[in-house]
Amino acid sequence: SHTFDWGFLKQARDGYVKRLNGIYATNVAKENVEYV
């Protein structure tokens, strides 16, 4: 038998997306694009 935890997957998914947001911000700054 197995169960599914929606909240656990949401938290992990949101953390992954937040990491991607940070990568985008880092790349923009690295290439001298000003983020407003």
ModelCIF file with pLDDT and N, C-alpha, C, O atoms, coordinates in Angstrom:
data_MODEL
#
_entry.id   MODEL 
#
_entity.id                         1 
_entity.type                       polymer 
_entity.pdbx_number_of_molecules   1 
#
_entity_poly.entity_id                      1 
_entity_poly.type                           'polypeptide(L)' 
_entity_poly.nstd_linkage                   no 
_entity_poly.nstd_monomer                   no 
_entity_poly.pdbx_seq_one_letter_code       SHTFDWGFLKQARDGYVKRLNGIYATNVAKENVEYV 
_entity_poly.pdbx_seq_one_letter_code_can   SHTFDWGFLKQARDGYVKRLNGIYATNVAKENVEYV 
_entity_poly.pdbx_strand_id                 A 
#
loop_
_entity_poly_seq.entity_id 
_entity_poly_seq.num 
_entity_poly_seq.mon_id 
_entity_poly_seq.hetero 
1 1  SER n 
1 2  HIS n 
1 3  THR n 
1 4  PHE n 
1 5  ASP n 
1 6  TRP n 
1 7  GLY n 
1 8  PHE n 
1 9  LEU n 
1 10 LYS n 
1 11 GLN n 
1 12 ALA n 
1 13 ARG n 
1 14 ASP n 
1 15 GLY n 
1 16 TYR n 
1 17 VAL n 
1 18 LYS n 
1 19 ARG n 
1 20 LEU n 
1 21 ASN n 
1 22 GLY n 
1 23 ILE n 
1 24 TYR n 
1 25 ALA n 
1 26 THR n 
1 27 ASN n 
1 28 VAL n 
1 29 ALA n 
1 30 LYS n 
1 31 GLU n 
1 32 ASN n 
1 33 VAL n 
1 34 GLU n 
1 35 TYR n 
1 36 VAL n 
#
_struct_asym.id          A 
_struct_asym.entity_id   1 
#
loop_
_ma_qa_metric.id 
_ma_qa_metric.mode 
_ma_qa_metric.name 
_ma_qa_metric.software_group_id 
_ma_qa_metric.type 
1 global pLDDT . pLDDT 
2 local  pLDDT . pLDDT 
#
_ma_qa_metric_global.metric_id      1 
_ma_qa_metric_global.metric_value   96.53 
_ma_qa_metric_global.model_id       1 
_ma_qa_metric_global.ordinal_id     1 
#
loop_
_ma_qa_metric_local.label_asym_id 
_ma_qa_metric_local.label_comp_id 
_ma_qa_metric_local.label_seq_id 
_ma_qa_metric_local.metric_id 
_ma_qa_metric_local.metric_value 
_ma_qa_metric_local.model_id 
_ma_qa_metric_local.ordinal_id 
A SER 1  2 87.00 1 1  
A HIS 2  2 88.00 1 2  
A THR 3  2 92.00 1 3  
A PHE 4  2 95.00 1 4  
A ASP 5  2 97.00 1 5  
A TRP 6  2 98.00 1 6  
A GLY 7  2 98.00 1 7  
A PHE 8  2 98.00 1 8  
A LEU 9  2 98.00 1 9  
A LYS 10 2 98.00 1 10 
A GLN 11 2 98.00 1 11 
A ALA 12 2 98.00 1 12 
A ARG 13 2 98.00 1 13 
A ASP 14 2 98.00 1 14 
A GLY 15 2 98.00 1 15 
A TYR 16 2 98.00 1 16 
A VAL 17 2 98.00 1 17 
A LYS 18 2 98.00 1 18 
A ARG 19 2 98.00 1 19 
A LEU 20 2 97.00 1 20 
A ASN 21 2 97.00 1 21 
A GLY 22 2 97.00 1 22 
A ILE 23 2 97.00 1 23 
A TYR 24 2 97.00 1 24 
A ALA 25 2 96.00 1 25 
A THR 26 2 97.00 1 26 
A ASN 27 2 96.00 1 27 
A VAL 28 2 96.00 1 28 
A ALA 29 2 96.00 1 29 
A LYS 30 2 97.00 1 30 
A GLU 31 2 96.00 1 31 
A ASN 32 2 96.00 1 32 
A VAL 33 2 98.00 1 33 
A GLU 34 2 97.00 1 34 
A TYR 35 2 97.00 1 35 
A VAL 36 2 97.00 1 36 
#
loop_
_atom_site.group_PDB 
_atom_site.id 
_atom_site.type_symbol 
_atom_site.label_atom_id 
_atom_site.label_alt_id 
_atom_site.label_comp_id 
_atom_site.label_asym_id 
_atom_site.label_entity_id 
_atom_site.label_seq_id 
_atom_site.pdbx_PDB_ins_code 
_atom_site.Cartn_x 
_atom_site.Cartn_y 
_atom_site.Cartn_z 
_atom_site.occupancy 
_atom_site.B_iso_or_equiv 
_atom_site.pdbx_formal_charge 
_atom_site.auth_seq_id 
_atom_site.auth_comp_id 
_atom_site.auth_asym_id 
_atom_site.auth_atom_id 
_atom_site.pdbx_PDB_model_num 
ATOM 1   N N  . SER A 1 1  ? 0.844  -1.206 0.000   1.00 87.00 ? 1  SER A N  1 
ATOM 2   C CA . SER A 1 1  ? 0.000  0.000  0.000   1.00 87.00 ? 1  SER A CA 1 
ATOM 3   C C  . SER A 1 1  ? 0.876  1.252  0.000   1.00 87.00 ? 1  SER A C  1 
ATOM 4   O O  . SER A 1 1  ? 2.030  1.219  0.426   1.00 87.00 ? 1  SER A O  1 
ATOM 5   N N  . HIS A 1 2  ? 0.309  2.349  -0.483  1.00 88.00 ? 2  HIS A N  1 
ATOM 6   C CA . HIS A 1 2  ? 1.036  3.607  -0.497  1.00 88.00 ? 2  HIS A CA 1 
ATOM 7   C C  . HIS A 1 2  ? 0.067  4.760  -0.315  1.00 88.00 ? 2  HIS A C  1 
ATOM 8   O O  . HIS A 1 2  ? -1.115 4.645  -0.637  1.00 88.00 ? 2  HIS A O  1 
ATOM 9   N N  . THR A 1 3  ? 0.568  5.865  0.199   1.00 92.00 ? 3  THR A N  1 
ATOM 10  C CA . THR A 1 3  ? -0.241 7.071  0.376   1.00 92.00 ? 3  THR A CA 1 
ATOM 11  C C  . THR A 1 3  ? 0.436  8.221  -0.350  1.00 92.00 ? 3  THR A C  1 
ATOM 12  O O  . THR A 1 3  ? 1.608  8.143  -0.719  1.00 92.00 ? 3  THR A O  1 
ATOM 13  N N  . PHE A 1 4  ? -0.323 9.288  -0.548  1.00 95.00 ? 4  PHE A N  1 
ATOM 14  C CA . PHE A 1 4  ? 0.217  10.469 -1.216  1.00 95.00 ? 4  PHE A CA 1 
ATOM 15  C C  . PHE A 1 4  ? 0.019  11.685 -0.327  1.00 95.00 ? 4  PHE A C  1 
ATOM 16  O O  . PHE A 1 4  ? -1.069 11.896 0.211   1.00 95.00 ? 4  PHE A O  1 
ATOM 17  N N  . ASP A 1 5  ? 1.072  12.488 -0.170  1.00 97.00 ? 5  ASP A N  1 
ATOM 18  C CA . ASP A 1 5  ? 1.049  13.694 0.659   1.00 97.00 ? 5  ASP A CA 1 
ATOM 19  C C  . ASP A 1 5  ? 1.150  14.919 -0.246  1.00 97.00 ? 5  ASP A C  1 
ATOM 20  O O  . ASP A 1 5  ? 2.243  15.306 -0.660  1.00 97.00 ? 5  ASP A O  1 
ATOM 21  N N  . TRP A 1 6  ? 0.007  15.520 -0.549  1.00 98.00 ? 6  TRP A N  1 
ATOM 22  C CA . TRP A 1 6  ? -0.041 16.692 -1.431  1.00 98.00 ? 6  TRP A CA 1 
ATOM 23  C C  . TRP A 1 6  ? 0.813  17.834 -0.877  1.00 98.00 ? 6  TRP A C  1 
ATOM 24  O O  . TRP A 1 6  ? 1.563  18.470 -1.617  1.00 98.00 ? 6  TRP A O  1 
ATOM 25  N N  . GLY A 1 7  ? 0.694  18.090 0.425   1.00 98.00 ? 7  GLY A N  1 
ATOM 26  C CA . GLY A 1 7  ? 1.425  19.193 1.045   1.00 98.00 ? 7  GLY A CA 1 
ATOM 27  C C  . GLY A 1 7  ? 2.929  19.029 0.928   1.00 98.00 ? 7  GLY A C  1 
ATOM 28  O O  . GLY A 1 7  ? 3.646  20.004 0.700   1.00 98.00 ? 7  GLY A O  1 
ATOM 29  N N  . PHE A 1 8  ? 3.414  17.796 1.083   1.00 98.00 ? 8  PHE A N  1 
ATOM 30  C CA . PHE A 1 8  ? 4.850  17.538 0.965   1.00 98.00 ? 8  PHE A CA 1 
ATOM 31  C C  . PHE A 1 8  ? 5.326  17.852 -0.446  1.00 98.00 ? 8  PHE A C  1 
ATOM 32  O O  . PHE A 1 8  ? 6.347  18.516 -0.627  1.00 98.00 ? 8  PHE A O  1 
ATOM 33  N N  . LEU A 1 9  ? 4.577  17.371 -1.460  1.00 98.00 ? 9  LEU A N  1 
ATOM 34  C CA . LEU A 1 9  ? 4.987  17.618 -2.843  1.00 98.00 ? 9  LEU A CA 1 
ATOM 35  C C  . LEU A 1 9  ? 4.924  19.107 -3.165  1.00 98.00 ? 9  LEU A C  1 
ATOM 36  O O  . LEU A 1 9  ? 5.799  19.627 -3.857  1.00 98.00 ? 9  LEU A O  1 
ATOM 37  N N  . LYS A 1 10 ? 3.895  19.799 -2.668  1.00 98.00 ? 10 LYS A N  1 
ATOM 38  C CA . LYS A 1 10 ? 3.795  21.242 -2.913  1.00 98.00 ? 10 LYS A CA 1 
ATOM 39  C C  . LYS A 1 10 ? 5.000  21.978 -2.343  1.00 98.00 ? 10 LYS A C  1 
ATOM 40  O O  . LYS A 1 10 ? 5.576  22.840 -3.007  1.00 98.00 ? 10 LYS A O  1 
ATOM 41  N N  . GLN A 1 11 ? 5.377  21.641 -1.125  1.00 98.00 ? 11 GLN A N  1 
ATOM 42  C CA . GLN A 1 11 ? 6.513  22.313 -0.494  1.00 98.00 ? 11 GLN A CA 1 
ATOM 43  C C  . GLN A 1 11 ? 7.802  22.067 -1.273  1.00 98.00 ? 11 GLN A C  1 
ATOM 44  O O  . GLN A 1 11 ? 8.591  22.989 -1.480  1.00 98.00 ? 11 GLN A O  1 
ATOM 45  N N  . ALA A 1 12 ? 8.016  20.824 -1.706  1.00 98.00 ? 12 ALA A N  1 
ATOM 46  C CA . ALA A 1 12 ? 9.219  20.503 -2.476  1.00 98.00 ? 12 ALA A CA 1 
ATOM 47  C C  . ALA A 1 12 ? 9.195  21.203 -3.827  1.00 98.00 ? 12 ALA A C  1 
ATOM 48  O O  . ALA A 1 12 ? 10.212 21.723 -4.284  1.00 98.00 ? 12 ALA A O  1 
ATOM 49  N N  . ARG A 1 13 ? 8.028  21.213 -4.463  1.00 98.00 ? 13 ARG A N  1 
ATOM 50  C CA . ARG A 1 13 ? 7.882  21.873 -5.766  1.00 98.00 ? 13 ARG A CA 1 
ATOM 51  C C  . ARG A 1 13 ? 8.134  23.369 -5.669  1.00 98.00 ? 13 ARG A C  1 
ATOM 52  O O  . ARG A 1 13 ? 8.843  23.940 -6.497  1.00 98.00 ? 13 ARG A O  1 
ATOM 53  N N  . ASP A 1 14 ? 7.550  24.004 -4.651  1.00 98.00 ? 14 ASP A N  1 
ATOM 54  C CA . ASP A 1 14 ? 7.732  25.445 -4.475  1.00 98.00 ? 14 ASP A CA 1 
ATOM 55  C C  . ASP A 1 14 ? 9.190  25.798 -4.197  1.00 98.00 ? 14 ASP A C  1 
ATOM 56  O O  . ASP A 1 14 ? 9.686  26.833 -4.643  1.00 98.00 ? 14 ASP A O  1 
ATOM 57  N N  . GLY A 1 15 ? 9.873  24.917 -3.449  1.00 98.00 ? 15 GLY A N  1 
ATOM 58  C CA . GLY A 1 15 ? 11.295 25.144 -3.186  1.00 98.00 ? 15 GLY A CA 1 
ATOM 59  C C  . GLY A 1 15 ? 12.119 25.071 -4.462  1.00 98.00 ? 15 GLY A C  1 
ATOM 60  O O  . GLY A 1 15 ? 13.062 25.840 -4.652  1.00 98.00 ? 15 GLY A O  1 
ATOM 61  N N  . TYR A 1 16 ? 11.756 24.145 -5.328  1.00 98.00 ? 16 TYR A N  1 
ATOM 62  C CA . TYR A 1 16 ? 12.450 24.008 -6.616  1.00 98.00 ? 16 TYR A CA 1 
ATOM 63  C C  . TYR A 1 16 ? 12.232 25.251 -7.475  1.00 98.00 ? 16 TYR A C  1 
ATOM 64  O O  . TYR A 1 16 ? 13.177 25.764 -8.075  1.00 98.00 ? 16 TYR A O  1 
ATOM 65  N N  . VAL A 1 17 ? 10.992 25.736 -7.536  1.00 98.00 ? 17 VAL A N  1 
ATOM 66  C CA . VAL A 1 17 ? 10.693 26.934 -8.326  1.00 98.00 ? 17 VAL A CA 1 
ATOM 67  C C  . VAL A 1 17 ? 11.438 28.141 -7.759  1.00 98.00 ? 17 VAL A C  1 
ATOM 68  O O  . VAL A 1 17 ? 11.969 28.952 -8.518  1.00 98.00 ? 17 VAL A O  1 
ATOM 69  N N  . LYS A 1 18 ? 11.481 28.265 -6.443  1.00 98.00 ? 18 LYS A N  1 
ATOM 70  C CA . LYS A 1 18 ? 12.185 29.388 -5.822  1.00 98.00 ? 18 LYS A CA 1 
ATOM 71  C C  . LYS A 1 18 ? 13.673 29.356 -6.172  1.00 98.00 ? 18 LYS A C  1 
ATOM 72  O O  . LYS A 1 18 ? 14.292 30.400 -6.377  1.00 98.00 ? 18 LYS A O  1 
ATOM 73  N N  . ARG A 1 19 ? 14.236 28.154 -6.237  1.00 98.00 ? 19 ARG A N  1 
ATOM 74  C CA . ARG A 1 19 ? 15.642 28.038 -6.627  1.00 98.00 ? 19 ARG A CA 1 
ATOM 75  C C  . ARG A 1 19 ? 15.848 28.510 -8.069  1.00 98.00 ? 19 ARG A C  1 
ATOM 76  O O  . ARG A 1 19 ? 16.851 29.152 -8.380  1.00 98.00 ? 19 ARG A O  1 
ATOM 77  N N  . LEU A 1 20 ? 14.896 28.189 -8.942  1.00 97.00 ? 20 LEU A N  1 
ATOM 78  C CA . LEU A 1 20 ? 14.983 28.655 -10.327 1.00 97.00 ? 20 LEU A CA 1 
ATOM 79  C C  . LEU A 1 20 ? 14.871 30.178 -10.402 1.00 97.00 ? 20 LEU A C  1 
ATOM 80  O O  . LEU A 1 20 ? 15.570 30.816 -11.189 1.00 97.00 ? 20 LEU A O  1 
ATOM 81  N N  . ASN A 1 21 ? 13.978 30.769 -9.572  1.00 97.00 ? 21 ASN A N  1 
ATOM 82  C CA . ASN A 1 21 ? 13.875 32.226 -9.530  1.00 97.00 ? 21 ASN A CA 1 
ATOM 83  C C  . ASN A 1 21 ? 15.232 32.844 -9.184  1.00 97.00 ? 21 ASN A C  1 
ATOM 84  O O  . ASN A 1 21 ? 15.640 33.843 -9.776  1.00 97.00 ? 21 ASN A O  1 
ATOM 85  N N  . GLY A 1 22 ? 15.920 32.236 -8.221  1.00 97.00 ? 22 GLY A N  1 
ATOM 86  C CA . GLY A 1 22 ? 17.226 32.747 -7.813  1.00 97.00 ? 22 GLY A CA 1 
ATOM 87  C C  . GLY A 1 22 ? 18.267 32.612 -8.905  1.00 97.00 ? 22 GLY A C  1 
ATOM 88  O O  . GLY A 1 22 ? 19.109 33.493 -9.078  1.00 97.00 ? 22 GLY A O  1 
ATOM 89  N N  . ILE A 1 23 ? 18.213 31.504 -9.650  1.00 97.00 ? 23 ILE A N  1 
ATOM 90  C CA . ILE A 1 23 ? 19.154 31.308 -10.759 1.00 97.00 ? 23 ILE A CA 1 
ATOM 91  C C  . ILE A 1 23 ? 18.944 32.364 -11.826 1.00 97.00 ? 23 ILE A C  1 
ATOM 92  O O  . ILE A 1 23 ? 19.906 32.922 -12.354 1.00 97.00 ? 23 ILE A O  1 
ATOM 93  N N  . TYR A 1 24 ? 17.675 32.643 -12.148 1.00 97.00 ? 24 TYR A N  1 
ATOM 94  C CA . TYR A 1 24 ? 17.387 33.698 -13.123 1.00 97.00 ? 24 TYR A CA 1 
ATOM 95  C C  . TYR A 1 24 ? 17.926 35.041 -12.655 1.00 97.00 ? 24 TYR A C  1 
ATOM 96  O O  . TYR A 1 24 ? 18.554 35.762 -13.430 1.00 97.00 ? 24 TYR A O  1 
ATOM 97  N N  . ALA A 1 25 ? 17.686 35.383 -11.392 1.00 96.00 ? 25 ALA A N  1 
ATOM 98  C CA . ALA A 1 25 ? 18.157 36.669 -10.858 1.00 96.00 ? 25 ALA A CA 1 
ATOM 99  C C  . ALA A 1 25 ? 19.680 36.756 -10.896 1.00 96.00 ? 25 ALA A C  1 
ATOM 100 O O  . ALA A 1 25 ? 20.240 37.804 -11.217 1.00 96.00 ? 25 ALA A O  1 
ATOM 101 N N  . THR A 1 26 ? 20.345 35.649 -10.566 1.00 97.00 ? 26 THR A N  1 
ATOM 102 C CA . THR A 1 26 ? 21.808 35.628 -10.595 1.00 97.00 ? 26 THR A CA 1 
ATOM 103 C C  . THR A 1 26 ? 22.326 35.821 -12.017 1.00 97.00 ? 26 THR A C  1 
ATOM 104 O O  . THR A 1 26 ? 23.266 36.584 -12.238 1.00 97.00 ? 26 THR A O  1 
ATOM 105 N N  . ASN A 1 27 ? 21.719 35.132 -12.978 1.00 96.00 ? 27 ASN A N  1 
ATOM 106 C CA . ASN A 1 27 ? 22.163 35.254 -14.371 1.00 96.00 ? 27 ASN A CA 1 
ATOM 107 C C  . ASN A 1 27 ? 21.944 36.646 -14.926 1.00 96.00 ? 27 ASN A C  1 
ATOM 108 O O  . ASN A 1 27 ? 22.781 37.161 -15.669 1.00 96.00 ? 27 ASN A O  1 
ATOM 109 N N  . VAL A 1 28 ? 20.824 37.259 -14.571 1.00 96.00 ? 28 VAL A N  1 
ATOM 110 C CA . VAL A 1 28 ? 20.537 38.623 -15.022 1.00 96.00 ? 28 VAL A CA 1 
ATOM 111 C C  . VAL A 1 28 ? 21.590 39.585 -14.486 1.00 96.00 ? 28 VAL A C  1 
ATOM 112 O O  . VAL A 1 28 ? 22.117 40.415 -15.227 1.00 96.00 ? 28 VAL A O  1 
ATOM 113 N N  . ALA A 1 29 ? 21.893 39.470 -13.193 1.00 96.00 ? 29 ALA A N  1 
ATOM 114 C CA . ALA A 1 29 ? 22.899 40.355 -12.594 1.00 96.00 ? 29 ALA A CA 1 
ATOM 115 C C  . ALA A 1 29 ? 24.280 40.102 -13.184 1.00 96.00 ? 29 ALA A C  1 
ATOM 116 O O  . ALA A 1 29 ? 25.039 41.041 -13.425 1.00 96.00 ? 29 ALA A O  1 
ATOM 117 N N  . LYS A 1 30 ? 24.605 38.829 -13.415 1.00 97.00 ? 30 LYS A N  1 
ATOM 118 C CA . LYS A 1 30 ? 25.904 38.461 -13.952 1.00 97.00 ? 30 LYS A CA 1 
ATOM 119 C C  . LYS A 1 30 ? 26.128 39.051 -15.342 1.00 97.00 ? 30 LYS A C  1 
ATOM 120 O O  . LYS A 1 30 ? 27.258 39.358 -15.721 1.00 97.00 ? 30 LYS A O  1 
ATOM 121 N N  . GLU A 1 31 ? 25.043 39.207 -16.092 1.00 96.00 ? 31 GLU A N  1 
ATOM 122 C CA . GLU A 1 31 ? 25.153 39.720 -17.454 1.00 96.00 ? 31 GLU A CA 1 
ATOM 123 C C  . GLU A 1 31 ? 24.839 41.205 -17.551 1.00 96.00 ? 31 GLU A C  1 
ATOM 124 O O  . GLU A 1 31 ? 24.605 41.736 -18.637 1.00 96.00 ? 31 GLU A O  1 
ATOM 125 N N  . ASN A 1 32 ? 24.839 41.874 -16.381 1.00 96.00 ? 32 ASN A N  1 
ATOM 126 C CA . ASN A 1 32 ? 24.686 43.332 -16.315 1.00 96.00 ? 32 ASN A CA 1 
ATOM 127 C C  . ASN A 1 32 ? 23.349 43.831 -16.846 1.00 96.00 ? 32 ASN A C  1 
ATOM 128 O O  . ASN A 1 32 ? 23.262 44.921 -17.411 1.00 96.00 ? 32 ASN A O  1 
ATOM 129 N N  . VAL A 1 33 ? 22.320 43.035 -16.661 1.00 98.00 ? 33 VAL A N  1 
ATOM 130 C CA . VAL A 1 33 ? 20.955 43.491 -16.920 1.00 98.00 ? 33 VAL A CA 1 
ATOM 131 C C  . VAL A 1 33 ? 20.379 43.965 -15.592 1.00 98.00 ? 33 VAL A C  1 
ATOM 132 O O  . VAL A 1 33 ? 20.431 43.240 -14.599 1.00 98.00 ? 33 VAL A O  1 
ATOM 133 N N  . GLU A 1 34 ? 19.831 45.174 -15.568 1.00 97.00 ? 34 GLU A N  1 
ATOM 134 C CA . GLU A 1 34 ? 19.270 45.697 -14.325 1.00 97.00 ? 34 GLU A CA 1 
ATOM 135 C C  . GLU A 1 34 ? 17.839 45.194 -14.156 1.00 97.00 ? 34 GLU A C  1 
ATOM 136 O O  . GLU A 1 34 ? 16.998 45.381 -15.035 1.00 97.00 ? 34 GLU A O  1 
ATOM 137 N N  . TYR A 1 35 ? 17.576 44.565 -13.036 1.00 97.00 ? 35 TYR A N  1 
ATOM 138 C CA . TYR A 1 35 ? 16.239 44.052 -12.722 1.00 97.00 ? 35 TYR A CA 1 
ATOM 139 C C  . TYR A 1 35 ? 15.497 45.109 -11.920 1.00 97.00 ? 35 TYR A C  1 
ATOM 140 O O  . TYR A 1 35 ? 15.928 45.469 -10.824 1.00 97.00 ? 35 TYR A O  1 
ATOM 141 N N  . VAL A 1 36 ? 14.386 45.611 -12.452 1.00 97.00 ? 36 VAL A N  1 
ATOM 142 C CA . VAL A 1 36 ? 13.575 46.625 -11.792 1.00 97.00 ? 36 VAL A CA 1 
ATOM 143 C C  . VAL A 1 36 ? 12.266 45.970 -11.359 1.00 97.00 ? 36 VAL A C  1 
ATOM 144 O O  . VAL A 1 36 ? 11.409 46.632 -10.774 1.00 97.00 ? 36 VAL A O  1 
#
